[in-house]
Full PDB file with SEQRES, HELIX, SHEET, SSBOND, CRYST1, ORIGX, SCALE, CONECT and MASTER records, all heavy atoms in Angstrom:
SEQRES   1 A   36  ALA ALA PHE LYS SER HIS VAL ASN LEU ILE LEU PRO GLY          
SEQRES   2 A   36  PRO PRO GLY THR TYR ALA ASP PRO GLY GLY LEU LEU GLU          
SEQRES   3 A   36  GLY ASP GLY GLN THR GLY LYS HIS LEU LYS                      
SHEET    1 AA1 2 LEU A   9  PRO A  12  0                                        
SHEET    2 AA1 2 GLY A  32  LEU A  35 -1                                        
CRYST1    1.000    1.000    1.000  90.00  90.00  90.00 P 1           1          
ORIGX1      1.000000  0.000000  0.000000        0.00000                         
ORIGX2      0.000000  1.000000  0.000000        0.00000                         
ORIGX3      0.000000  0.000000  1.000000        0.00000                         
SCALE1      1.000000  0.000000  0.000000        0.00000                         
SCALE2      0.000000  1.000000  0.000000        0.00000                         
SCALE3      0.000000  0.000000  1.000000        0.00000                         
ATOM      1  N   ALA A   1      28.409 -14.161 -14.694  1.00  0.00           N  
ATOM      2  CA  ALA A   1      28.640 -14.258 -16.145  1.00  0.00           C  
ATOM      3  C   ALA A   1      29.968 -14.972 -16.385  1.00  0.00           C  
ATOM      4  O   ALA A   1      30.964 -14.657 -15.729  1.00  0.00           O  
ATOM      5  CB  ALA A   1      28.674 -12.869 -16.763  1.00  0.00           C  
ATOM      6  N   ALA A   2      29.966 -15.916 -17.312  1.00  0.00           N  
ATOM      7  CA  ALA A   2      31.197 -16.643 -17.635  1.00  0.00           C  
ATOM      8  C   ALA A   2      31.574 -16.317 -19.074  1.00  0.00           C  
ATOM      9  O   ALA A   2      30.754 -16.331 -19.981  1.00  0.00           O  
ATOM     10  CB  ALA A   2      30.986 -18.136 -17.480  1.00  0.00           C  
ATOM     11  N   PHE A   3      32.867 -16.023 -19.245  1.00  0.00           N  
ATOM     12  CA  PHE A   3      33.429 -15.734 -20.562  1.00  0.00           C  
ATOM     13  C   PHE A   3      34.503 -16.765 -20.881  1.00  0.00           C  
ATOM     14  O   PHE A   3      34.673 -17.713 -20.141  1.00  0.00           O  
ATOM     15  CB  PHE A   3      33.966 -14.296 -20.591  1.00  0.00           C  
ATOM     16  CG  PHE A   3      32.897 -13.277 -20.285  1.00  0.00           C  
ATOM     17  CD1 PHE A   3      32.679 -12.833 -19.003  1.00  0.00           C  
ATOM     18  CD2 PHE A   3      32.066 -12.798 -21.294  1.00  0.00           C  
ATOM     19  CE1 PHE A   3      31.689 -11.897 -18.714  1.00  0.00           C  
ATOM     20  CE2 PHE A   3      31.064 -11.870 -21.021  1.00  0.00           C  
ATOM     21  CZ  PHE A   3      30.882 -11.445 -19.730  1.00  0.00           C  
ATOM     22  N   LYS A   4      35.267 -16.568 -21.940  1.00  0.00           N  
ATOM     23  CA  LYS A   4      36.270 -17.556 -22.313  1.00  0.00           C  
ATOM     24  C   LYS A   4      37.373 -17.702 -21.256  1.00  0.00           C  
ATOM     25  O   LYS A   4      37.816 -18.789 -20.962  1.00  0.00           O  
ATOM     26  CB  LYS A   4      36.928 -17.192 -23.645  1.00  0.00           C  
ATOM     27  CG  LYS A   4      36.034 -17.438 -24.822  1.00  0.00           C  
ATOM     28  CD  LYS A   4      36.772 -17.122 -26.112  1.00  0.00           C  
ATOM     29  CE  LYS A   4      35.870 -17.346 -27.306  1.00  0.00           C  
ATOM     30  NZ  LYS A   4      36.553 -17.065 -28.565  1.00  0.00           N  
ATOM     31  N   SER A   5      37.823 -16.583 -20.708  1.00  0.00           N  
ATOM     32  CA  SER A   5      38.963 -16.641 -19.806  1.00  0.00           C  
ATOM     33  C   SER A   5      38.688 -16.144 -18.396  1.00  0.00           C  
ATOM     34  O   SER A   5      39.584 -16.131 -17.575  1.00  0.00           O  
ATOM     35  CB  SER A   5      40.130 -15.839 -20.383  1.00  0.00           C  
ATOM     36  OG  SER A   5      39.759 -14.488 -20.502  1.00  0.00           O  
ATOM     37  N   HIS A   6      37.452 -15.704 -18.111  1.00  0.00           N  
ATOM     38  CA  HIS A   6      37.177 -15.198 -16.764  1.00  0.00           C  
ATOM     39  C   HIS A   6      35.691 -15.302 -16.438  1.00  0.00           C  
ATOM     40  O   HIS A   6      34.871 -15.568 -17.295  1.00  0.00           O  
ATOM     41  CB  HIS A   6      37.657 -13.764 -16.612  1.00  0.00           C  
ATOM     42  CG  HIS A   6      36.875 -12.768 -17.394  1.00  0.00           C  
ATOM     43  ND1 HIS A   6      37.080 -12.545 -18.729  1.00  0.00           N  
ATOM     44  CD2 HIS A   6      35.872 -11.937 -17.037  1.00  0.00           C  
ATOM     45  CE1 HIS A   6      36.254 -11.619 -19.158  1.00  0.00           C  
ATOM     46  NE2 HIS A   6      35.484 -11.225 -18.151  1.00  0.00           N  
ATOM     47  N   VAL A   7      35.405 -15.048 -15.174  1.00  0.00           N  
ATOM     48  CA  VAL A   7      34.039 -15.055 -14.658  1.00  0.00           C  
ATOM     49  C   VAL A   7      33.812 -13.692 -14.012  1.00  0.00           C  
ATOM     50  O   VAL A   7      34.694 -13.154 -13.346  1.00  0.00           O  
ATOM     51  CB  VAL A   7      33.846 -16.162 -13.601  1.00  0.00           C  
ATOM     52  CG1 VAL A   7      32.503 -16.060 -12.929  1.00  0.00           C  
ATOM     53  CG2 VAL A   7      34.029 -17.517 -14.237  1.00  0.00           C  
ATOM     54  N   ASN A   8      32.619 -13.122 -14.213  1.00  0.00           N  
ATOM     55  CA  ASN A   8      32.251 -11.869 -13.553  1.00  0.00           C  
ATOM     56  C   ASN A   8      31.137 -12.121 -12.546  1.00  0.00           C  
ATOM     57  O   ASN A   8      30.160 -12.802 -12.850  1.00  0.00           O  
ATOM     58  CB  ASN A   8      31.732 -10.835 -14.556  1.00  0.00           C  
ATOM     59  CG  ASN A   8      32.843 -10.113 -15.287  1.00  0.00           C  
ATOM     60  OD1 ASN A   8      34.006 -10.271 -14.984  1.00  0.00           O  
ATOM     61  ND2 ASN A   8      32.473  -9.318 -16.275  1.00  0.00           N  
ATOM     62  N   LEU A   9      31.327 -11.572 -11.348  1.00  0.00           N  
ATOM     63  CA  LEU A   9      30.241 -11.494 -10.381  1.00  0.00           C  
ATOM     64  C   LEU A   9      29.693 -10.094 -10.520  1.00  0.00           C  
ATOM     65  O   LEU A   9      30.415  -9.118 -10.290  1.00  0.00           O  
ATOM     66  CB  LEU A   9      30.757 -11.743  -8.951  1.00  0.00           C  
ATOM     67  CG  LEU A   9      29.725 -11.484  -7.854  1.00  0.00           C  
ATOM     68  CD1 LEU A   9      28.534 -12.445  -7.966  1.00  0.00           C  
ATOM     69  CD2 LEU A   9      30.359 -11.577  -6.486  1.00  0.00           C  
ATOM     70  N   ILE A  10      28.455  -9.962 -10.926  1.00  0.00           N  
ATOM     71  CA  ILE A  10      27.838  -8.663 -11.214  1.00  0.00           C  
ATOM     72  C   ILE A  10      26.986  -8.254 -10.016  1.00  0.00           C  
ATOM     73  O   ILE A  10      26.091  -9.017  -9.611  1.00  0.00           O  
ATOM     74  CB  ILE A  10      26.989  -8.731 -12.507  1.00  0.00           C  
ATOM     75  CG1 ILE A  10      27.897  -9.174 -13.676  1.00  0.00           C  
ATOM     76  CG2 ILE A  10      26.324  -7.397 -12.778  1.00  0.00           C  
ATOM     77  CD1 ILE A  10      27.137  -9.612 -14.902  1.00  0.00           C  
ATOM     78  N   LEU A  11      27.272  -7.082  -9.503  1.00  0.00           N  
ATOM     79  CA  LEU A  11      26.562  -6.557  -8.328  1.00  0.00           C  
ATOM     80  C   LEU A  11      25.861  -5.256  -8.705  1.00  0.00           C  
ATOM     81  O   LEU A  11      26.518  -4.297  -9.096  1.00  0.00           O  
ATOM     82  CB  LEU A  11      27.552  -6.306  -7.194  1.00  0.00           C  
ATOM     83  CG  LEU A  11      28.343  -7.529  -6.757  1.00  0.00           C  
ATOM     84  CD1 LEU A  11      29.541  -7.119  -5.918  1.00  0.00           C  
ATOM     85  CD2 LEU A  11      27.446  -8.478  -5.964  1.00  0.00           C  
ATOM     86  N   PRO A  12      24.519  -5.222  -8.604  1.00  0.00           N  
ATOM     87  CA  PRO A  12      23.796  -4.014  -8.996  1.00  0.00           C  
ATOM     88  C   PRO A  12      23.814  -2.945  -7.904  1.00  0.00           C  
ATOM     89  O   PRO A  12      23.944  -3.255  -6.732  1.00  0.00           O  
ATOM     90  CB  PRO A  12      22.377  -4.521  -9.221  1.00  0.00           C  
ATOM     91  CG  PRO A  12      22.241  -5.638  -8.247  1.00  0.00           C  
ATOM     92  CD  PRO A  12      23.593  -6.284  -8.192  1.00  0.00           C  
ATOM     93  N   GLY A  13      23.692  -1.719  -8.318  1.00  0.00           N  
ATOM     94  CA  GLY A  13      23.579  -0.620  -7.357  1.00  0.00           C  
ATOM     95  C   GLY A  13      24.319   0.611  -7.815  1.00  0.00           C  
ATOM     96  O   GLY A  13      25.254   0.522  -8.621  1.00  0.00           O  
ATOM     97  N   PRO A  14      23.936   1.758  -7.299  1.00  0.00           N  
ATOM     98  CA  PRO A  14      24.601   3.019  -7.666  1.00  0.00           C  
ATOM     99  C   PRO A  14      26.016   3.067  -7.076  1.00  0.00           C  
ATOM    100  O   PRO A  14      26.343   2.268  -6.194  1.00  0.00           O  
ATOM    101  CB  PRO A  14      23.697   4.094  -7.068  1.00  0.00           C  
ATOM    102  CG  PRO A  14      22.974   3.408  -5.948  1.00  0.00           C  
ATOM    103  CD  PRO A  14      22.825   1.976  -6.361  1.00  0.00           C  
ATOM    104  N   PRO A  15      26.843   3.984  -7.549  1.00  0.00           N  
ATOM    105  CA  PRO A  15      28.194   4.107  -7.007  1.00  0.00           C  
ATOM    106  C   PRO A  15      28.150   4.266  -5.482  1.00  0.00           C  
ATOM    107  O   PRO A  15      27.284   4.943  -4.946  1.00  0.00           O  
ATOM    108  CB  PRO A  15      28.731   5.353  -7.685  1.00  0.00           C  
ATOM    109  CG  PRO A  15      27.939   5.478  -8.940  1.00  0.00           C  
ATOM    110  CD  PRO A  15      26.580   4.944  -8.621  1.00  0.00           C  
ATOM    111  N   GLY A  16      29.088   3.635  -4.804  1.00  0.00           N  
ATOM    112  CA  GLY A  16      29.189   3.742  -3.353  1.00  0.00           C  
ATOM    113  C   GLY A  16      28.376   2.701  -2.612  1.00  0.00           C  
ATOM    114  O   GLY A  16      28.380   2.672  -1.377  1.00  0.00           O  
ATOM    115  N   THR A  17      27.675   1.810  -3.307  1.00  0.00           N  
ATOM    116  CA  THR A  17      26.840   0.789  -2.647  1.00  0.00           C  
ATOM    117  C   THR A  17      27.703  -0.234  -1.934  1.00  0.00           C  
ATOM    118  O   THR A  17      27.358  -0.680  -0.835  1.00  0.00           O  
ATOM    119  CB  THR A  17      25.942   0.081  -3.665  1.00  0.00           C  
ATOM    120  OG1 THR A  17      25.125   1.044  -4.312  1.00  0.00           O  
ATOM    121  CG2 THR A  17      25.070  -0.959  -3.018  1.00  0.00           C  
ATOM    122  N   TYR A  18      28.826  -0.596  -2.518  1.00  0.00           N  
ATOM    123  CA  TYR A  18      29.668  -1.666  -1.963  1.00  0.00           C  
ATOM    124  C   TYR A  18      31.002  -1.104  -1.477  1.00  0.00           C  
ATOM    125  O   TYR A  18      31.690  -0.403  -2.229  1.00  0.00           O  
ATOM    126  CB  TYR A  18      29.921  -2.735  -3.042  1.00  0.00           C  
ATOM    127  CG  TYR A  18      28.617  -3.288  -3.584  1.00  0.00           C  
ATOM    128  CD1 TYR A  18      28.090  -2.828  -4.771  1.00  0.00           C  
ATOM    129  CD2 TYR A  18      27.918  -4.242  -2.864  1.00  0.00           C  
ATOM    130  CE1 TYR A  18      26.890  -3.311  -5.238  1.00  0.00           C  
ATOM    131  CE2 TYR A  18      26.703  -4.725  -3.325  1.00  0.00           C  
ATOM    132  CZ  TYR A  18      26.205  -4.268  -4.525  1.00  0.00           C  
ATOM    133  OH  TYR A  18      24.996  -4.734  -4.987  1.00  0.00           O  
ATOM    134  N   ALA A  19      31.343  -1.430  -0.232  1.00  0.00           N  
ATOM    135  CA  ALA A  19      32.631  -1.017   0.321  1.00  0.00           C  
ATOM    136  C   ALA A  19      33.723  -1.806  -0.391  1.00  0.00           C  
ATOM    137  O   ALA A  19      33.687  -3.044  -0.421  1.00  0.00           O  
ATOM    138  CB  ALA A  19      32.646  -1.289   1.822  1.00  0.00           C  
ATOM    139  N   ASP A  20      34.663  -1.102  -0.962  1.00  0.00           N  
ATOM    140  CA  ASP A  20      35.737  -1.752  -1.748  1.00  0.00           C  
ATOM    141  C   ASP A  20      37.059  -1.059  -1.510  1.00  0.00           C  
ATOM    142  O   ASP A  20      37.610  -0.408  -2.410  1.00  0.00           O  
ATOM    143  CB  ASP A  20      35.360  -1.724  -3.239  1.00  0.00           C  
ATOM    144  CG  ASP A  20      36.343  -2.482  -4.113  1.00  0.00           C  
ATOM    145  OD1 ASP A  20      37.063  -3.342  -3.604  1.00  0.00           O  
ATOM    146  OD2 ASP A  20      36.376  -2.169  -5.324  1.00  0.00           O  
ATOM    147  N   PRO A  21      37.620  -1.190  -0.287  1.00  0.00           N  
ATOM    148  CA  PRO A  21      38.885  -0.488  -0.023  1.00  0.00           C  
ATOM    149  C   PRO A  21      40.044  -1.013  -0.865  1.00  0.00           C  
ATOM    150  O   PRO A  21      40.993  -0.279  -1.130  1.00  0.00           O  
ATOM    151  CB  PRO A  21      39.119  -0.757   1.469  1.00  0.00           C  
ATOM    152  CG  PRO A  21      38.277  -1.924   1.824  1.00  0.00           C  
ATOM    153  CD  PRO A  21      37.133  -1.942   0.856  1.00  0.00           C  
ATOM    154  N   GLY A  22      39.975  -2.254  -1.281  1.00  0.00           N  
ATOM    155  CA  GLY A  22      41.051  -2.818  -2.109  1.00  0.00           C  
ATOM    156  C   GLY A  22      40.932  -2.461  -3.575  1.00  0.00           C  
ATOM    157  O   GLY A  22      41.822  -2.786  -4.371  1.00  0.00           O  
ATOM    158  N   GLY A  23      39.844  -1.835  -3.978  1.00  0.00           N  
ATOM    159  CA  GLY A  23      39.659  -1.476  -5.386  1.00  0.00           C  
ATOM    160  C   GLY A  23      39.524  -2.660  -6.325  1.00  0.00           C  
ATOM    161  O   GLY A  23      39.953  -2.598  -7.472  1.00  0.00           O  
ATOM    162  N   LEU A  24      38.902  -3.747  -5.832  1.00  0.00           N  
ATOM    163  CA  LEU A  24      38.786  -4.963  -6.647  1.00  0.00           C  
ATOM    164  C   LEU A  24      37.598  -4.898  -7.630  1.00  0.00           C  
ATOM    165  O   LEU A  24      37.615  -5.561  -8.672  1.00  0.00           O  
ATOM    166  CB  LEU A  24      38.598  -6.181  -5.729  1.00  0.00           C  
ATOM    167  CG  LEU A  24      39.763  -6.449  -4.766  1.00  0.00           C  
ATOM    168  CD1 LEU A  24      39.395  -7.556  -3.805  1.00  0.00           C  
ATOM    169  CD2 LEU A  24      41.020  -6.787  -5.532  1.00  0.00           C  
ATOM    170  N   LEU A  25      36.581  -4.132  -7.286  1.00  0.00           N  
ATOM    171  CA  LEU A  25      35.421  -4.052  -8.165  1.00  0.00           C  
ATOM    172  C   LEU A  25      35.717  -3.146  -9.352  1.00  0.00           C  
ATOM    173  O   LEU A  25      36.354  -2.113  -9.219  1.00  0.00           O  
ATOM    174  CB  LEU A  25      34.206  -3.511  -7.398  1.00  0.00           C  
ATOM    175  CG  LEU A  25      33.663  -4.439  -6.332  1.00  0.00           C  
ATOM    176  CD1 LEU A  25      32.541  -3.770  -5.569  1.00  0.00           C  
ATOM    177  CD2 LEU A  25      33.177  -5.737  -6.939  1.00  0.00           C  
ATOM    178  N   GLU A  26      35.253  -3.558 -10.519  1.00  0.00           N  
ATOM    179  CA  GLU A  26      35.480  -2.828 -11.760  1.00  0.00           C  
ATOM    180  C   GLU A  26      34.152  -2.277 -12.273  1.00  0.00           C  
ATOM    181  O   GLU A  26      33.095  -2.737 -11.897  1.00  0.00           O  
ATOM    182  CB  GLU A  26      36.075  -3.747 -12.820  1.00  0.00           C  
ATOM    183  CG  GLU A  26      37.435  -4.313 -12.448  1.00  0.00           C  
ATOM    184  CD  GLU A  26      37.972  -5.221 -13.532  1.00  0.00           C  
ATOM    185  OE1 GLU A  26      37.586  -5.078 -14.705  1.00  0.00           O  
ATOM    186  OE2 GLU A  26      38.808  -6.090 -13.197  1.00  0.00           O  
ATOM    187  N   GLY A  27      34.296  -1.314 -13.183  1.00  0.00           N  
ATOM    188  CA  GLY A  27      33.137  -0.741 -13.822  1.00  0.00           C  
ATOM    189  C   GLY A  27      32.884   0.669 -13.307  1.00  0.00           C  
ATOM    190  O   GLY A  27      33.011   0.925 -12.102  1.00  0.00           O  
ATOM    191  N   ASP A  28      32.520   1.532 -14.207  1.00  0.00           N  
ATOM    192  CA  ASP A  28      32.264   2.921 -13.815  1.00  0.00           C  
ATOM    193  C   ASP A  28      30.823   3.319 -14.108  1.00  0.00           C  
ATOM    194  O   ASP A  28      30.481   4.485 -14.101  1.00  0.00           O  
ATOM    195  CB  ASP A  28      33.220   3.884 -14.522  1.00  0.00           C  
ATOM    196  CG  ASP A  28      33.210   3.715 -16.021  1.00  0.00           C  
ATOM    197  OD1 ASP A  28      32.473   2.852 -16.504  1.00  0.00           O  
ATOM    198  OD2 ASP A  28      33.921   4.461 -16.708  1.00  0.00           O  
ATOM    199  N   GLY A  29      29.987   2.307 -14.325  1.00  0.00           N  
ATOM    200  CA  GLY A  29      28.598   2.577 -14.630  1.00  0.00           C  
ATOM    201  C   GLY A  29      27.813   3.051 -13.425  1.00  0.00           C  
ATOM    202  O   GLY A  29      28.244   2.899 -12.302  1.00  0.00           O  
ATOM    203  N   GLN A  30      26.661   3.603 -13.698  1.00  0.00           N  
ATOM    204  CA  GLN A  30      25.800   4.100 -12.626  1.00  0.00           C  
ATOM    205  C   GLN A  30      24.892   2.998 -12.077  1.00  0.00           C  
ATOM    206  O   GLN A  30      24.175   3.225 -11.114  1.00  0.00           O  
ATOM    207  CB  GLN A  30      24.944   5.242 -13.170  1.00  0.00           C  
ATOM    208  CG  GLN A  30      25.755   6.435 -13.601  1.00  0.00           C  
ATOM    209  CD  GLN A  30      26.501   7.090 -12.429  1.00  0.00           C  
ATOM    210  OE1 GLN A  30      25.914   7.396 -11.428  1.00  0.00           O  
ATOM    211  NE2 GLN A  30      27.788   7.250 -12.598  1.00  0.00           N  
ATOM    212  N   THR A  31      24.923   1.823 -12.679  1.00  0.00           N  
ATOM    213  CA  THR A  31      23.998   0.789 -12.256  1.00  0.00           C  
ATOM    214  C   THR A  31      24.639  -0.392 -11.559  1.00  0.00           C  
ATOM    215  O   THR A  31      23.936  -1.308 -11.164  1.00  0.00           O  
ATOM    216  CB  THR A  31      23.217   0.253 -13.481  1.00  0.00           C  
ATOM    217  OG1 THR A  31      24.147  -0.253 -14.422  1.00  0.00           O  
ATOM    218  CG2 THR A  31      22.392   1.355 -14.118  1.00  0.00           C  
ATOM    219  N   GLY A  32      25.934  -0.421 -11.395  1.00  0.00           N  
ATOM    220  CA  GLY A  32      26.553  -1.518 -10.688  1.00  0.00           C  
ATOM    221  C   GLY A  32      28.024  -1.668 -10.972  1.00  0.00           C  
ATOM    222  O   GLY A  32      28.629  -0.903 -11.735  1.00  0.00           O  
ATOM    223  N   LYS A  33      28.608  -2.652 -10.318  1.00  0.00           N  
ATOM    224  CA  LYS A  33      30.025  -3.008 -10.454  1.00  0.00           C  
ATOM    225  C   LYS A  33      30.137  -4.489 -10.688  1.00  0.00           C  
ATOM    226  O   LYS A  33      29.185  -5.247 -10.515  1.00  0.00           O  
ATOM    227  CB  LYS A  33      30.775  -2.646  -9.148  1.00  0.00           C  
ATOM    228  CG  LYS A  33      30.740  -1.186  -8.773  1.00  0.00           C  
ATOM    229  CD  LYS A  33      31.821  -0.463  -9.447  1.00  0.00           C  
ATOM    230  CE  LYS A  33      31.928   0.958  -8.926  1.00  0.00           C  
ATOM    231  NZ  LYS A  33      32.997   1.672  -9.531  1.00  0.00           N  
ATOM    232  N   HIS A  34      31.342  -4.942 -11.049  1.00  0.00           N  
ATOM    233  CA  HIS A  34      31.568  -6.379 -11.216  1.00  0.00           C  
ATOM    234  C   HIS A  34      32.975  -6.736 -10.742  1.00  0.00           C  
ATOM    235  O   HIS A  34      33.873  -5.913 -10.748  1.00  0.00           O  
ATOM    236  CB  HIS A  34      31.332  -6.822 -12.652  1.00  0.00           C  
ATOM    237  CG  HIS A  34      32.321  -6.257 -13.639  1.00  0.00           C  
ATOM    238  ND1 HIS A  34      32.135  -5.067 -14.243  1.00  0.00           N  
ATOM    239  CD2 HIS A  34      33.504  -6.733 -14.071  1.00  0.00           C  
ATOM    240  CE1 HIS A  34      33.166  -4.812 -15.052  1.00  0.00           C  
ATOM    241  NE2 HIS A  34      34.013  -5.834 -14.955  1.00  0.00           N  
ATOM    242  N   LEU A  35      33.104  -7.981 -10.334  1.00  0.00           N  
ATOM    243  CA  LEU A  35      34.382  -8.531  -9.927  1.00  0.00           C  
ATOM    244  C   LEU A  35      34.806  -9.527 -10.982  1.00  0.00           C  
ATOM    245  O   LEU A  35      34.064 -10.460 -11.305  1.00  0.00           O  
ATOM    246  CB  LEU A  35      34.258  -9.237  -8.570  1.00  0.00           C  
ATOM    247  CG  LEU A  35      35.494  -9.973  -8.076  1.00  0.00           C  
ATOM    248  CD1 LEU A  35      36.621  -8.983  -7.749  1.00  0.00           C  
ATOM    249  CD2 LEU A  35      35.177 -10.824  -6.845  1.00  0.00           C  
ATOM    250  N   LYS A  36      35.992  -9.333 -11.554  1.00  0.00           N  
ATOM    251  CA  LYS A  36      36.503 -10.216 -12.599  1.00  0.00           C  
ATOM    252  C   LYS A  36      37.433 -11.233 -11.961  1.00  0.00           C  
ATOM    253  O   LYS A  36      38.391 -10.865 -11.296  1.00  0.00           O  
ATOM    254  CB  LYS A  36      37.241  -9.421 -13.662  1.00  0.00           C  
ATOM    255  CG  LYS A  36      37.682 -10.242 -14.857  1.00  0.00           C  
ATOM    256  CD  LYS A  36      38.451  -9.416 -15.867  1.00  0.00           C  
ATOM    257  CE  LYS A  36      37.526  -8.526 -16.638  1.00  0.00           C  
ATOM    258  NZ  LYS A  36      38.179  -7.842 -17.749  1.00  0.00           N  
TER     259      LYS A  36                                                      
MASTER        0    0    0    0    2    0    0    6  258    1    0    3          
END                                                                             
């Protein structure tokens, strides 16, 4: 997804699907995370 000032990479899945030790993924939804 592209917005005015940033791009999101949207990754579907329940919490814990993607290893993210750096805490880069955002979103607290039950259906996925995104990288801004």
